[in-house]
Amino acid sequence: MRRAFARNRYAAPAQRSRLVDDPDSFVVADLAGGPHPWFGRVEPLLDGVIERLLTGRDDRARDRAVTADEIAQQLVFSLQVPMSFYREMWAHPDPDLRAYAAERWLWLTPAQRAALLADPVPAVRDAARERSRVLDPAAMEAELPEFDCHQRSLLLVNYAVSQAVADACLADGRDLWALAHNPHTPAGAVARLARHPDPRIRACVAGRADLDPALLEELAEDPDDTVRTRARVHPLPRTWAQRAALDQVAGPTADDIGPVRELPVEPDADWYRACAVSPHPLLRRVAATCPGLPLELVDRLADDPDPEVRHLLACNHPLAPPGTVLEAFVAMPRQRPFLLTLPRLPRTGLRHLLDHPDPEVRALAAADPALERPPLPLLTDTDPGVRRAAAANPLLSSELIARLLKDSDTAEGAAANPALSAAELHALLDRCCLPATAT
């Protein structure tokens, strides 16, 4: 039961955090692992709880089925640590967390890196020196695996690239997207990639923040529309944070994207606001992913002619209008589990969707407690989910609910009907061999 509560996405982080000292390591691991199922942005845990989970030590006095290090890794991948916490760890009073900050070397500023390299605690300095190798092209070249694997991709996408490595990749036609994406790829290699036959490679180059102006002009006249668009919509000067924000919305549909993750370094708010009033839909899409966009711009994007803008707004902004969220629910089947968790999704006024061809949409309408009449026709719908939703509608009469409880096809939905009285609920529990406890 404690493990289930630790994973409950509807429980506030402050409530779930009370399990941080649980004697069972599986409970603590589930707290660190975060809410389940995962549908989108996760509300972060309290800073003090994050600190304890990241700096935990194994207790040799008792058997720990899950180690402290495994719990810390669970936390890192759970998205319950806000980027603001990572950005401030380099100056944390706890030296363990300062050493942990070195793991995010690429996210640190030059001044922060210098502070860690000069830290008074030897372990922190050692961690900083070790991680500083990610910006050393010779070190990266020495560690680069020859065979295809996750480690090779990680190095080529993020870490410093030597000229020899870049030349070898270009000669073999291998890992070219990684080179085009990597901020540390040598300029000569970038120029060659900008003229590669594959438009996906050229489009990736066109979004770089360090692009030579002459090369940008060349890509702005590219024969491929995607390449031209990426070059033209984002003028110089650019930042890598802006490039990352655009990368999230360039290409896939809103149904593929859904709620976006917090970036390690976010573009400033003024840039997002400028994107919101841009004539180009790609920039308005990136603005729609910003949860801090002011209300007047939210209203503007909610009426955007591009449906992808409206759908991204529904998934990412807490002030997206209910009508926009409902439109997104109807249009984006893959994002429905997430959208159903949002209080902004309308649960009433859905009569016009009772005959919708999509059963998930009919099920949402069938549960509407404000319909003019009970959704009786949907009790025999061809889809079981629709039948369950209709059986749970509180507009049904008590006599009908009693009959539905006896039918295995509708019993589950009827048992969830909020119109059931306390006595009827206790009777159902008695039938399940769960008698009332003494008070």
Protein backbone atom coordinates (compact mmCIF):
# COMPACT_ATOMS: atom_id res chain seq x y z
CA MET A 1 0.00 0.00 0.00
CA ARG A 2 2.84 2.40 0.76
CA ARG A 3 4.47 1.59 -2.59
CA ALA A 4 1.21 2.32 -4.38
CA PHE A 5 0.93 5.65 -2.59
CA ALA A 6 4.54 6.49 -3.48
CA ARG A 7 3.63 6.12 -7.17
CA ASN A 8 0.30 7.95 -6.97
CA ARG A 9 0.36 10.78 -9.50
CA TYR A 10 -2.60 12.47 -7.78
CA ALA A 11 -0.89 12.74 -4.39
CA ALA A 12 0.99 15.95 -3.75
CA PRO A 13 4.80 15.66 -3.64
CA ALA A 14 4.78 16.86 -0.02
CA GLN A 15 2.54 13.91 0.91
CA ARG A 16 4.50 11.33 -1.06
CA SER A 17 7.75 12.71 0.35
CA ARG A 18 6.82 11.47 3.82
CA LEU A 19 7.94 8.04 2.60
CA VAL A 20 11.57 9.10 2.17
CA ASP A 21 12.51 7.40 5.47
CA ASP A 22 10.47 4.26 4.88
CA PRO A 23 12.25 1.16 6.21
CA ASP A 24 11.50 -0.74 2.99
CA SER A 25 13.88 0.18 0.17
CA PHE A 26 11.29 -0.68 -2.47
CA VAL A 27 9.01 2.03 -1.09
CA VAL A 28 11.80 4.61 -1.24
CA ALA A 29 12.71 3.46 -4.76
CA ASP A 30 9.11 3.92 -5.89
CA LEU A 31 9.08 7.40 -4.40
CA ALA A 32 12.28 8.18 -6.29
CA GLY A 33 10.93 6.60 -9.47
CA GLY A 34 8.04 9.02 -9.54
CA PRO A 35 4.34 8.89 -10.37
CA HIS A 36 3.09 6.01 -12.47
CA PRO A 37 1.95 5.95 -15.17
CA TRP A 38 4.04 8.80 -16.54
CA PHE A 39 2.06 11.06 -18.87
CA GLY A 40 3.97 14.33 -18.99
CA ARG A 41 5.56 16.95 -16.78
CA VAL A 42 6.03 15.75 -13.23
CA GLU A 43 5.64 17.98 -10.20
CA PRO A 44 9.05 18.07 -8.49
CA LEU A 45 9.76 16.70 -5.04
CA LEU A 46 10.75 19.02 -2.21
CA ASP A 47 14.39 20.16 -2.30
CA GLY A 48 15.19 18.57 1.04
CA VAL A 49 13.85 15.20 -0.13
CA ILE A 50 15.83 15.43 -3.36
CA GLU A 51 19.00 16.11 -1.39
CA ARG A 52 18.45 13.10 0.85
CA LEU A 53 17.71 10.76 -2.04
CA LEU A 54 20.75 11.89 -4.02
CA THR A 55 23.13 11.65 -1.06
CA GLY A 56 21.71 8.51 0.59
CA ARG A 57 24.01 5.83 1.96
CA ASP A 58 23.41 2.11 2.23
CA ASP A 59 22.64 0.90 5.74
CA ARG A 60 24.77 -2.18 6.37
CA ALA A 61 22.76 -2.99 9.46
CA ARG A 62 19.87 -4.25 7.35
CA ASP A 63 19.40 -5.88 4.01
CA ARG A 64 18.65 -3.29 1.31
CA ALA A 65 17.12 -4.90 -1.76
CA VAL A 66 17.56 -1.60 -3.62
CA THR A 67 20.83 0.28 -3.08
CA ALA A 68 21.11 4.00 -2.38
CA ASP A 69 22.87 4.48 -5.71
CA GLU A 70 20.04 2.73 -7.56
CA ILE A 71 17.51 4.93 -5.77
CA ALA A 72 19.45 8.05 -6.78
CA GLN A 73 19.47 6.90 -10.41
CA GLN A 74 15.73 6.27 -10.24
CA LEU A 75 15.27 9.85 -9.06
CA VAL A 76 17.41 11.32 -11.84
CA PHE A 77 15.38 9.58 -14.55
CA SER A 78 12.01 10.33 -12.91
CA LEU A 79 12.03 14.05 -13.89
CA GLN A 80 11.11 14.92 -10.29
CA VAL A 81 14.27 17.03 -9.95
CA PRO A 82 13.69 20.49 -11.41
CA MET A 83 16.40 21.90 -13.64
CA SER A 84 16.69 24.83 -11.24
CA PHE A 85 17.95 22.38 -8.60
CA TYR A 86 20.58 21.00 -10.97
CA ARG A 87 21.69 24.51 -11.92
CA GLU A 88 22.26 25.47 -8.28
CA MET A 89 23.97 22.26 -7.10
CA TRP A 90 27.45 23.51 -8.00
CA ALA A 91 27.24 25.93 -5.01
CA HIS A 92 25.42 23.59 -2.59
CA PRO A 93 26.85 23.38 0.96
CA ASP A 94 26.95 19.57 0.72
CA PRO A 95 30.15 18.55 -1.11
CA ASP A 96 28.47 15.34 -2.32
CA LEU A 97 25.98 17.43 -4.25
CA ARG A 98 28.70 19.71 -5.60
CA ALA A 99 30.47 16.62 -6.90
CA TYR A 100 27.16 15.45 -8.34
CA ALA A 101 26.84 18.81 -10.12
CA ALA A 102 30.00 18.01 -12.05
CA GLU A 103 28.04 15.22 -13.78
CA ARG A 104 26.12 18.00 -15.57
CA TRP A 105 29.34 19.62 -16.82
CA LEU A 106 27.85 20.67 -20.16
CA TRP A 107 25.05 22.56 -18.38
CA LEU A 108 27.44 24.64 -16.27
CA THR A 109 28.79 28.07 -17.11
CA PRO A 110 32.58 28.58 -17.40
CA ALA A 111 32.60 30.34 -14.02
CA GLN A 112 30.75 27.45 -12.35
CA ARG A 113 33.14 24.92 -13.88
CA ALA A 114 36.10 26.92 -12.60
CA ALA A 115 34.61 27.01 -9.10
CA LEU A 116 34.24 23.22 -9.02
CA LEU A 117 37.78 22.71 -10.31
CA ALA A 118 39.02 24.90 -7.43
CA ASP A 119 36.67 23.47 -4.78
CA PRO A 120 38.23 23.12 -1.30
CA VAL A 121 37.08 19.47 -1.08
CA PRO A 122 39.41 17.08 -2.98
CA ALA A 123 36.57 14.73 -3.98
CA VAL A 124 34.72 17.59 -5.66
CA ARG A 125 37.86 18.71 -7.51
CA ASP A 126 38.48 15.14 -8.65
CA ALA A 127 34.92 14.80 -9.93
CA ALA A 128 35.21 18.11 -11.76
CA ARG A 129 38.52 17.17 -13.39
CA GLU A 130 37.11 13.84 -14.51
CA ARG A 131 34.00 15.40 -16.04
CA SER A 132 35.94 18.23 -17.66
CA ARG A 133 37.26 15.63 -20.08
CA VAL A 134 33.96 15.84 -21.99
CA LEU A 135 35.22 19.11 -23.48
CA ASP A 136 38.62 17.68 -24.34
CA PRO A 137 38.57 16.46 -27.99
CA ALA A 138 41.59 14.21 -27.43
CA ALA A 139 39.97 12.53 -24.43
CA MET A 140 36.74 12.02 -26.36
CA GLU A 141 38.67 10.53 -29.29
CA ALA A 142 40.44 8.09 -26.97
CA GLU A 143 37.18 6.96 -25.34
CA LEU A 144 35.03 6.76 -28.48
CA PRO A 145 33.93 3.15 -29.14
CA GLU A 146 34.42 1.98 -32.70
CA PHE A 147 31.23 -0.09 -32.76
CA ASP A 148 27.74 1.38 -32.78
CA CYS A 149 26.34 1.69 -29.26
CA HIS A 150 24.67 4.15 -26.89
CA GLN A 151 28.02 5.38 -25.56
CA ARG A 152 29.27 6.24 -29.05
CA SER A 153 26.08 8.15 -29.85
CA LEU A 154 26.22 9.99 -26.52
CA LEU A 155 29.77 11.16 -27.13
CA LEU A 156 29.19 12.22 -30.73
CA VAL A 157 26.00 14.13 -29.97
CA ASN A 158 27.21 16.05 -26.91
CA TYR A 159 30.97 16.03 -26.28
CA ALA A 160 33.92 17.81 -27.87
CA VAL A 161 34.80 16.38 -31.28
CA SER A 162 38.34 16.25 -32.63
CA GLN A 163 39.05 17.00 -36.27
CA ALA A 164 40.24 13.41 -36.75
CA VAL A 165 36.94 11.99 -35.44
CA ALA A 166 34.91 14.37 -37.60
CA ASP A 167 36.96 13.50 -40.69
CA ALA A 168 36.56 9.77 -40.07
CA CYS A 169 32.78 10.07 -39.69
CA LEU A 170 32.51 12.13 -42.85
CA ALA A 171 34.69 9.72 -44.81
CA ASP A 172 32.59 6.74 -43.71
CA GLY A 173 29.25 8.55 -43.99
CA ARG A 174 28.62 7.54 -40.39
CA ASP A 175 27.03 9.36 -37.41
CA LEU A 176 26.46 12.45 -39.53
CA TRP A 177 23.28 13.58 -37.76
CA ALA A 178 25.16 13.43 -34.44
CA LEU A 179 27.92 15.66 -35.86
CA ALA A 180 25.36 18.07 -37.31
CA HIS A 181 23.67 18.32 -33.92
CA ASN A 182 26.78 18.55 -31.71
CA PRO A 183 27.63 22.15 -30.65
CA HIS A 184 31.35 21.24 -30.57
CA THR A 185 31.72 19.91 -34.12
CA PRO A 186 34.60 21.70 -35.95
CA ALA A 187 33.49 24.48 -38.29
CA GLY A 188 34.98 22.81 -41.37
CA ALA A 189 32.95 19.67 -40.75
CA VAL A 190 29.81 21.75 -40.23
CA ALA A 191 30.34 23.42 -43.62
CA ARG A 192 30.63 20.01 -45.30
CA LEU A 193 27.53 18.74 -43.55
CA ALA A 194 25.59 21.80 -44.72
CA ARG A 195 26.03 20.53 -48.29
CA HIS A 196 25.26 16.87 -47.58
CA PRO A 197 22.74 15.21 -49.94
CA ASP A 198 20.43 14.22 -47.05
CA PRO A 199 18.05 17.14 -46.28
CA ARG A 200 17.66 15.92 -42.68
CA ILE A 201 21.36 16.57 -42.12
CA ARG A 202 21.16 19.99 -43.76
CA ALA A 203 18.09 20.89 -41.70
CA CYS A 204 19.94 19.98 -38.50
CA VAL A 205 22.84 22.21 -39.55
CA ALA A 206 20.41 25.01 -40.41
CA GLY A 207 19.30 25.17 -36.78
CA ARG A 208 22.78 25.49 -35.24
CA ALA A 209 23.47 28.50 -33.04
CA ASP A 210 27.07 28.90 -34.30
CA LEU A 211 26.22 28.93 -38.00
CA ASP A 212 28.32 31.16 -40.25
CA PRO A 213 26.09 33.92 -41.75
CA ALA A 214 27.16 33.04 -45.29
CA LEU A 215 26.30 29.40 -44.69
CA LEU A 216 22.93 30.40 -43.24
CA GLU A 217 22.16 32.41 -46.38
CA GLU A 218 23.01 29.38 -48.49
CA LEU A 219 20.72 27.11 -46.47
CA ALA A 220 17.93 29.69 -46.64
CA GLU A 221 17.83 29.03 -50.40
CA ASP A 222 18.01 25.24 -50.07
CA PRO A 223 15.83 23.24 -52.49
CA ASP A 224 14.23 21.40 -49.54
CA ASP A 225 11.37 23.25 -47.82
CA THR A 226 12.21 21.93 -44.34
CA VAL A 227 15.80 23.13 -44.62
CA ARG A 228 14.74 26.55 -45.92
CA THR A 229 12.19 26.93 -43.15
CA ARG A 230 14.64 26.08 -40.38
CA ALA A 231 17.19 28.54 -41.78
CA ARG A 232 14.74 31.40 -42.32
CA VAL A 233 12.52 31.36 -39.25
CA HIS A 234 15.34 31.68 -36.73
CA PRO A 235 17.65 34.58 -37.59
CA LEU A 236 21.08 35.14 -36.12
CA PRO A 237 22.15 35.71 -33.41
CA ARG A 238 20.74 32.54 -31.83
CA THR A 239 21.35 30.59 -28.66
CA TRP A 240 21.72 26.86 -28.22
CA ALA A 241 18.80 26.94 -25.77
CA GLN A 242 16.60 28.40 -28.50
CA ARG A 243 17.81 25.72 -30.90
CA ALA A 244 16.86 23.03 -28.36
CA ALA A 245 13.37 24.51 -27.90
CA LEU A 246 12.82 24.53 -31.65
CA ASP A 247 14.13 20.98 -31.99
CA GLN A 248 11.29 19.79 -29.74
CA VAL A 249 8.58 20.96 -32.14
CA ALA A 250 10.26 20.76 -35.55
CA GLY A 251 9.09 17.70 -37.46
CA PRO A 252 6.78 15.60 -35.30
CA THR A 253 3.09 16.35 -34.83
CA ALA A 254 1.60 17.63 -31.59
CA ASP A 255 0.16 14.15 -31.01
CA ASP A 256 3.72 12.79 -31.10
CA ILE A 257 5.11 15.58 -28.91
CA GLY A 258 2.47 16.15 -26.23
CA PRO A 259 3.79 17.75 -23.02
CA VAL A 260 7.43 18.71 -23.50
CA ARG A 261 10.17 18.24 -20.91
CA GLU A 262 11.86 21.10 -19.13
CA LEU A 263 15.06 22.03 -20.93
CA PRO A 264 18.40 22.10 -19.05
CA VAL A 265 18.70 25.75 -20.05
CA GLU A 266 15.51 27.54 -21.08
CA PRO A 267 15.41 30.42 -23.58
CA ASP A 268 14.46 33.72 -21.97
CA ALA A 269 10.81 34.69 -21.65
CA ASP A 270 11.11 37.57 -24.14
CA TRP A 271 12.09 35.14 -26.90
CA TYR A 272 9.05 32.95 -26.22
CA ARG A 273 6.82 36.02 -26.28
CA ALA A 274 8.28 37.11 -29.61
CA CYS A 275 7.68 33.61 -30.98
CA ALA A 276 4.02 33.79 -29.93
CA VAL A 277 3.36 36.73 -32.29
CA SER A 278 5.53 35.44 -35.13
CA PRO A 279 3.94 35.04 -38.56
CA HIS A 280 5.54 31.59 -38.84
CA PRO A 281 3.64 28.65 -37.29
CA LEU A 282 6.86 26.84 -36.26
CA LEU A 283 7.78 29.66 -33.89
CA ARG A 284 4.22 29.90 -32.58
CA ARG A 285 4.38 26.16 -31.87
CA VAL A 286 7.49 26.58 -29.77
CA ALA A 287 5.78 29.44 -27.90
CA ALA A 288 2.84 27.14 -27.17
CA THR A 289 5.15 24.79 -25.24
CA CYS A 290 6.14 27.53 -22.76
CA PRO A 291 4.09 27.11 -19.54
CA GLY A 292 4.97 30.63 -18.41
CA LEU A 293 3.48 32.45 -21.39
CA PRO A 294 1.19 35.31 -20.21
CA LEU A 295 -2.58 35.00 -20.47
CA GLU A 296 -3.04 37.46 -23.33
CA LEU A 297 -0.70 35.41 -25.51
CA VAL A 298 -2.33 32.16 -24.40
CA ASP A 299 -5.68 33.51 -25.62
CA ARG A 300 -4.04 34.53 -28.89
CA LEU A 301 -2.54 31.07 -29.45
CA ALA A 302 -5.81 29.38 -28.48
CA ASP A 303 -7.33 30.99 -31.59
CA ASP A 304 -4.33 30.22 -33.80
CA PRO A 305 -5.18 29.05 -37.34
CA ASP A 306 -2.62 26.24 -37.03
CA PRO A 307 -4.16 23.30 -35.12
CA GLU A 308 -0.68 22.10 -34.07
CA VAL A 309 -0.22 25.35 -32.14
CA ARG A 310 -3.54 24.92 -30.36
CA HIS A 311 -2.87 21.29 -29.52
CA LEU A 312 0.60 21.97 -28.10
CA LEU A 313 -0.87 24.79 -26.02
CA ALA A 314 -3.46 22.40 -24.59
CA CYS A 315 -0.75 19.94 -23.53
CA ASN A 316 1.71 22.45 -22.09
CA HIS A 317 0.05 25.55 -20.66
CA PRO A 318 -1.91 25.54 -17.37
CA LEU A 319 -4.17 28.36 -18.64
CA ALA A 320 -5.15 26.79 -21.97
CA PRO A 321 -8.92 27.31 -22.40
CA PRO A 322 -11.13 24.26 -21.76
CA GLY A 323 -12.41 24.32 -25.34
CA THR A 324 -8.85 24.10 -26.63
CA VAL A 325 -8.10 21.14 -24.35
CA LEU A 326 -11.27 19.35 -25.48
CA GLU A 327 -10.35 19.93 -29.13
CA ALA A 328 -6.92 18.44 -28.45
CA PHE A 329 -8.47 15.42 -26.72
CA VAL A 330 -10.62 14.69 -29.77
CA ALA A 331 -7.77 15.24 -32.24
CA MET A 332 -4.86 13.53 -30.43
CA PRO A 333 -5.49 9.87 -29.48
CA ARG A 334 -1.94 9.29 -28.18
CA GLN A 335 -2.19 12.16 -25.68
CA ARG A 336 -5.59 11.26 -24.24
CA PRO A 337 -4.25 9.46 -21.13
CA PHE A 338 -2.37 12.65 -20.23
CA LEU A 339 -5.20 15.03 -21.15
CA LEU A 340 -7.60 13.04 -18.96
CA THR A 341 -5.48 14.01 -15.95
CA LEU A 342 -5.97 17.74 -16.58
CA PRO A 343 -8.66 19.59 -14.61
CA ARG A 344 -9.05 21.89 -17.64
CA LEU A 345 -10.55 19.09 -19.74
CA PRO A 346 -14.33 19.69 -19.79
CA ARG A 347 -16.43 16.91 -18.25
CA THR A 348 -19.80 18.51 -19.00
CA GLY A 349 -21.43 20.01 -22.07
CA LEU A 350 -20.43 17.00 -24.16
CA ARG A 351 -23.79 15.99 -25.65
CA HIS A 352 -22.53 16.73 -29.17
CA LEU A 353 -19.92 13.98 -28.78
CA LEU A 354 -22.26 11.15 -27.82
CA ASP A 355 -22.31 9.87 -31.41
CA HIS A 356 -18.65 10.49 -32.17
CA PRO A 357 -17.03 7.70 -34.23
CA ASP A 358 -14.11 7.37 -31.80
CA PRO A 359 -15.09 5.22 -28.78
CA GLU A 360 -12.74 7.06 -26.40
CA VAL A 361 -14.49 10.32 -27.24
CA ARG A 362 -17.91 8.68 -26.80
CA ALA A 363 -16.77 7.37 -23.41
CA LEU A 364 -15.84 10.88 -22.28
CA ALA A 365 -19.28 12.13 -23.34
CA ALA A 366 -21.05 9.14 -21.80
CA ALA A 367 -19.71 10.13 -18.37
CA ASP A 368 -21.11 13.69 -18.61
CA PRO A 369 -23.23 14.16 -15.44
CA ALA A 370 -24.98 17.22 -16.92
CA LEU A 371 -26.58 15.58 -19.96
CA GLU A 372 -30.23 16.35 -20.60
CA ARG A 373 -31.07 12.66 -20.19
CA PRO A 374 -29.18 9.51 -19.15
CA PRO A 375 -26.98 8.02 -21.90
CA LEU A 376 -29.08 4.86 -22.16
CA PRO A 377 -28.19 4.01 -25.79
CA LEU A 378 -24.50 3.86 -24.86
CA LEU A 379 -25.12 1.11 -22.30
CA THR A 380 -25.19 -1.27 -25.27
CA ASP A 381 -22.37 0.37 -27.22
CA THR A 382 -20.05 -1.91 -29.17
CA ASP A 383 -17.07 -0.65 -27.12
CA PRO A 384 -16.68 -1.89 -23.51
CA GLY A 385 -15.07 1.37 -22.40
CA VAL A 386 -18.11 3.31 -23.55
CA ARG A 387 -20.43 0.88 -21.77
CA ARG A 388 -18.46 1.26 -18.52
CA ALA A 389 -18.53 5.07 -18.76
CA ALA A 390 -22.27 5.08 -19.43
CA ALA A 391 -22.91 2.71 -16.50
CA ALA A 392 -20.99 5.09 -14.20
CA ASN A 393 -23.09 8.12 -15.16
CA PRO A 394 -24.91 9.41 -12.01
CA LEU A 395 -27.99 10.31 -14.08
CA LEU A 396 -28.99 6.64 -14.18
CA SER A 397 -31.82 5.58 -11.88
CA SER A 398 -31.04 3.48 -8.83
CA GLU A 399 -33.16 0.64 -10.23
CA LEU A 400 -31.17 0.62 -13.48
CA ILE A 401 -27.85 0.77 -11.62
CA ALA A 402 -28.93 -2.26 -9.57
CA ARG A 403 -29.64 -4.21 -12.76
CA LEU A 404 -26.33 -3.12 -14.31
CA LEU A 405 -24.47 -4.38 -11.24
CA LYS A 406 -25.78 -7.87 -11.96
CA ASP A 407 -24.54 -7.81 -15.55
CA SER A 408 -20.85 -8.67 -15.90
CA ASP A 409 -20.71 -6.45 -18.99
CA THR A 410 -21.58 -3.29 -17.04
CA ALA A 411 -20.91 -4.19 -13.39
CA GLU A 412 -17.53 -2.47 -13.20
CA GLY A 413 -18.87 0.85 -14.47
CA ALA A 414 -21.99 0.63 -12.31
CA ALA A 415 -19.88 -0.05 -9.20
CA ALA A 416 -18.08 3.24 -9.86
CA ASN A 417 -21.33 5.19 -10.15
CA PRO A 418 -21.29 8.12 -7.67
CA ALA A 419 -25.05 7.81 -7.26
CA LEU A 420 -24.60 4.67 -5.15
CA SER A 421 -25.43 5.22 -1.50
CA ALA A 422 -23.13 4.30 1.36
CA ALA A 423 -25.33 1.32 2.18
CA GLU A 424 -25.15 0.09 -1.41
CA LEU A 425 -21.38 0.48 -1.43
CA HIS A 426 -21.07 -1.52 1.79
CA ALA A 427 -23.29 -4.21 0.30
CA LEU A 428 -20.99 -4.43 -2.71
CA LEU A 429 -17.95 -4.75 -0.44
CA ASP A 430 -19.72 -7.47 1.52
CA ARG A 431 -20.26 -9.35 -1.76
CA CYS A 432 -16.50 -9.05 -2.35
CA CYS A 433 -15.85 -10.61 1.10
CA LEU A 434 -14.65 -7.29 2.51
CA PRO A 435 -16.90 -6.78 5.55
CA ALA A 436 -17.10 -3.45 7.33
CA THR A 437 -14.54 -2.91 10.08
CA ALA A 438 -15.64 -2.13 13.60
CA THR A 439 -15.71 1.56 14.52
